[in-house]
Amino acid sequence: ASWAETEGSYTSSTGRVQVARRALAPAAQARPAWELLHRLAVELGIDQARALSPRILFAEMAVAVPAFSGITWGRLLGGAALAVHGEVPGGD
């Protein structure tokens, strides 16, 4: 699926996180990259078959990556870009 067909989150180079909502449904059999990677991991025995979504993946990342702790999908849906812990200063 193209970026316009994918829901997820993005983190800028300055450490701001925001939700990207999909603009249209994927055509035909197109799938978002996160879904394809998960299916591949299941086939390779690296991950377990389970229900996944951008919300679930973000929650798992927030637990595993200290910079994202305290940031939730619900807070991101509030519309404001949130700073990761230890925000990177902007360029000169």
C-alpha atoms as a PDB file:
ATOM      1  CA  ALA A   1       0.000   0.000   0.000  1.00  0.00           C
ATOM      2  CA  SER A   2       1.147   3.552  -0.594  1.00  0.00           C
ATOM      3  CA  TRP A   3       1.691   6.023   2.243  1.00  0.00           C
ATOM      4  CA  ALA A   4      -1.753   7.512   1.538  1.00  0.00           C
ATOM      5  CA  GLU A   5      -3.327   4.071   2.117  1.00  0.00           C
ATOM      6  CA  THR A   6      -1.529   3.393   5.405  1.00  0.00           C
ATOM      7  CA  GLU A   7      -2.415   4.349   8.979  1.00  0.00           C
ATOM      8  CA  GLY A   8       0.438   4.648  11.432  1.00  0.00           C
ATOM      9  CA  SER A   9       2.692   7.026  13.280  1.00  0.00           C
ATOM     10  CA  TYR A  10       5.682   9.032  12.195  1.00  0.00           C
ATOM     11  CA  THR A  11       8.559  10.475  14.202  1.00  0.00           C
ATOM     12  CA  SER A  12      10.271  13.543  12.774  1.00  0.00           C
ATOM     13  CA  SER A  13      14.016  14.135  12.855  1.00  0.00           C
ATOM     14  CA  THR A  14      13.431  16.463  15.816  1.00  0.00           C
ATOM     15  CA  GLY A  15      11.649  13.758  17.819  1.00  0.00           C
ATOM     16  CA  ARG A  16       8.021  14.793  17.307  1.00  0.00           C
ATOM     17  CA  VAL A  17       5.557  11.903  16.994  1.00  0.00           C
ATOM     18  CA  GLN A  18       2.183  12.146  15.282  1.00  0.00           C
ATOM     19  CA  VAL A  19      -0.494   9.903  13.809  1.00  0.00           C
ATOM     20  CA  ALA A  20      -0.897   9.629  10.061  1.00  0.00           C
ATOM     21  CA  ARG A  21      -4.411   8.614   9.098  1.00  0.00           C
ATOM     22  CA  ARG A  22      -4.955   6.848   5.840  1.00  0.00           C
ATOM     23  CA  ALA A  23      -6.609   8.938   3.154  1.00  0.00           C
ATOM     24  CA  LEU A  24      -8.105   6.020   1.208  1.00  0.00           C
ATOM     25  CA  ALA A  25      -8.492   2.266   1.429  1.00  0.00           C
ATOM     26  CA  PRO A  26      -5.775   0.125  -0.171  1.00  0.00           C
ATOM     27  CA  ALA A  27      -6.660  -1.099  -3.657  1.00  0.00           C
ATOM     28  CA  ALA A  28      -7.063  -4.787  -4.550  1.00  0.00           C
ATOM     29  CA  GLN A  29      -4.696  -6.905  -2.448  1.00  0.00           C
ATOM     30  CA  ALA A  30      -2.351  -4.109  -1.354  1.00  0.00           C
ATOM     31  CA  ARG A  31      -1.276  -4.298   2.292  1.00  0.00           C
ATOM     32  CA  PRO A  32       0.574  -1.833   4.534  1.00  0.00           C
ATOM     33  CA  ALA A  33       4.273  -2.557   5.131  1.00  0.00           C
ATOM     34  CA  TRP A  34       3.742  -3.319   8.845  1.00  0.00           C
ATOM     35  CA  GLU A  35       1.245  -6.047   7.927  1.00  0.00           C
ATOM     36  CA  LEU A  36       3.531  -7.596   5.306  1.00  0.00           C
ATOM     37  CA  LEU A  37       6.475  -7.633   7.724  1.00  0.00           C
ATOM     38  CA  HIS A  38       4.355  -9.252  10.423  1.00  0.00           C
ATOM     39  CA  ARG A  39       3.107 -11.951   8.041  1.00  0.00           C
ATOM     40  CA  LEU A  40       6.695 -12.639   6.970  1.00  0.00           C
ATOM     41  CA  ALA A  41       7.815 -12.887  10.617  1.00  0.00           C
ATOM     42  CA  VAL A  42       5.012 -15.370  11.326  1.00  0.00           C
ATOM     43  CA  GLU A  43       5.974 -17.496   8.296  1.00  0.00           C
ATOM     44  CA  LEU A  44       9.633 -17.469   9.405  1.00  0.00           C
ATOM     45  CA  GLY A  45       8.665 -18.425  12.964  1.00  0.00           C
ATOM     46  CA  ILE A  46       9.974 -15.159  14.408  1.00  0.00           C
ATOM     47  CA  ASP A  47       6.606 -13.908  15.662  1.00  0.00           C
ATOM     48  CA  GLN A  48       3.295 -15.437  16.621  1.00  0.00           C
ATOM     49  CA  ALA A  49       0.100 -15.148  14.616  1.00  0.00           C
ATOM     50  CA  ARG A  50      -2.052 -12.559  16.385  1.00  0.00           C
ATOM     51  CA  ALA A  51      -4.250  -9.576  15.715  1.00  0.00           C
ATOM     52  CA  LEU A  52      -2.168  -6.473  15.027  1.00  0.00           C
ATOM     53  CA  SER A  53      -2.852  -2.852  14.232  1.00  0.00           C
ATOM     54  CA  PRO A  54      -0.872   0.388  14.268  1.00  0.00           C
ATOM     55  CA  ARG A  55      -2.314   1.063  17.747  1.00  0.00           C
ATOM     56  CA  ILE A  56      -1.073  -2.297  19.108  1.00  0.00           C
ATOM     57  CA  LEU A  57       2.331  -1.939  17.461  1.00  0.00           C
ATOM     58  CA  PHE A  58       2.764   1.568  18.864  1.00  0.00           C
ATOM     59  CA  ALA A  59       1.866   0.357  22.373  1.00  0.00           C
ATOM     60  CA  GLU A  60       4.480  -2.403  22.088  1.00  0.00           C
ATOM     61  CA  MET A  61       7.088   0.082  20.894  1.00  0.00           C
ATOM     62  CA  ALA A  62       6.280   2.458  23.778  1.00  0.00           C
ATOM     63  CA  VAL A  63       7.026  -0.384  26.208  1.00  0.00           C
ATOM     64  CA  ALA A  64      10.203  -1.542  24.434  1.00  0.00           C
ATOM     65  CA  VAL A  65      11.738   1.850  23.563  1.00  0.00           C
ATOM     66  CA  PRO A  66      12.245   4.163  26.567  1.00  0.00           C
ATOM     67  CA  ALA A  67      12.058   7.323  24.430  1.00  0.00           C
ATOM     68  CA  PHE A  68       8.400   6.537  23.643  1.00  0.00           C
ATOM     69  CA  SER A  69       7.301   5.662  27.190  1.00  0.00           C
ATOM     70  CA  GLY A  70       4.253   7.611  28.277  1.00  0.00           C
ATOM     71  CA  ILE A  71       3.123   8.307  24.711  1.00  0.00           C
ATOM     72  CA  THR A  72      -0.086   6.498  23.847  1.00  0.00           C
ATOM     73  CA  TRP A  73      -2.076   6.143  20.651  1.00  0.00           C
ATOM     74  CA  GLY A  74      -4.967   7.910  22.386  1.00  0.00           C
ATOM     75  CA  ARG A  75      -2.796  10.919  23.184  1.00  0.00           C
ATOM     76  CA  LEU A  76      -1.566  11.004  19.585  1.00  0.00           C
ATOM     77  CA  LEU A  77      -5.158  10.976  18.327  1.00  0.00           C
ATOM     78  CA  GLY A  78      -5.617  14.250  20.218  1.00  0.00           C
ATOM     79  CA  GLY A  79      -3.995  15.886  17.189  1.00  0.00           C
ATOM     80  CA  ALA A  80      -0.850  17.448  18.633  1.00  0.00           C
ATOM     81  CA  ALA A  81       2.586  16.095  17.794  1.00  0.00           C
ATOM     82  CA  LEU A  82       4.181  14.794  20.992  1.00  0.00           C
ATOM     83  CA  ALA A  83       7.875  14.905  21.828  1.00  0.00           C
ATOM     84  CA  VAL A  84       9.784  11.729  22.549  1.00  0.00           C
ATOM     85  CA  HIS A  85      11.916  11.780  25.685  1.00  0.00           C
ATOM     86  CA  GLY A  86      15.250  13.427  24.929  1.00  0.00           C
ATOM     87  CA  GLU A  87      14.028  15.434  21.937  1.00  0.00           C
ATOM     88  CA  VAL A  88      16.699  16.018  19.322  1.00  0.00           C
ATOM     89  CA  PRO A  89      17.519  19.728  18.837  1.00  0.00           C
ATOM     90  CA  GLY A  90      16.658  21.199  15.447  1.00  0.00           C
ATOM     91  CA  GLY A  91      19.275  22.025  12.804  1.00  0.00           C
ATOM     92  CA  ASP A  92      21.027  25.382  12.583  1.00  0.00           C
END
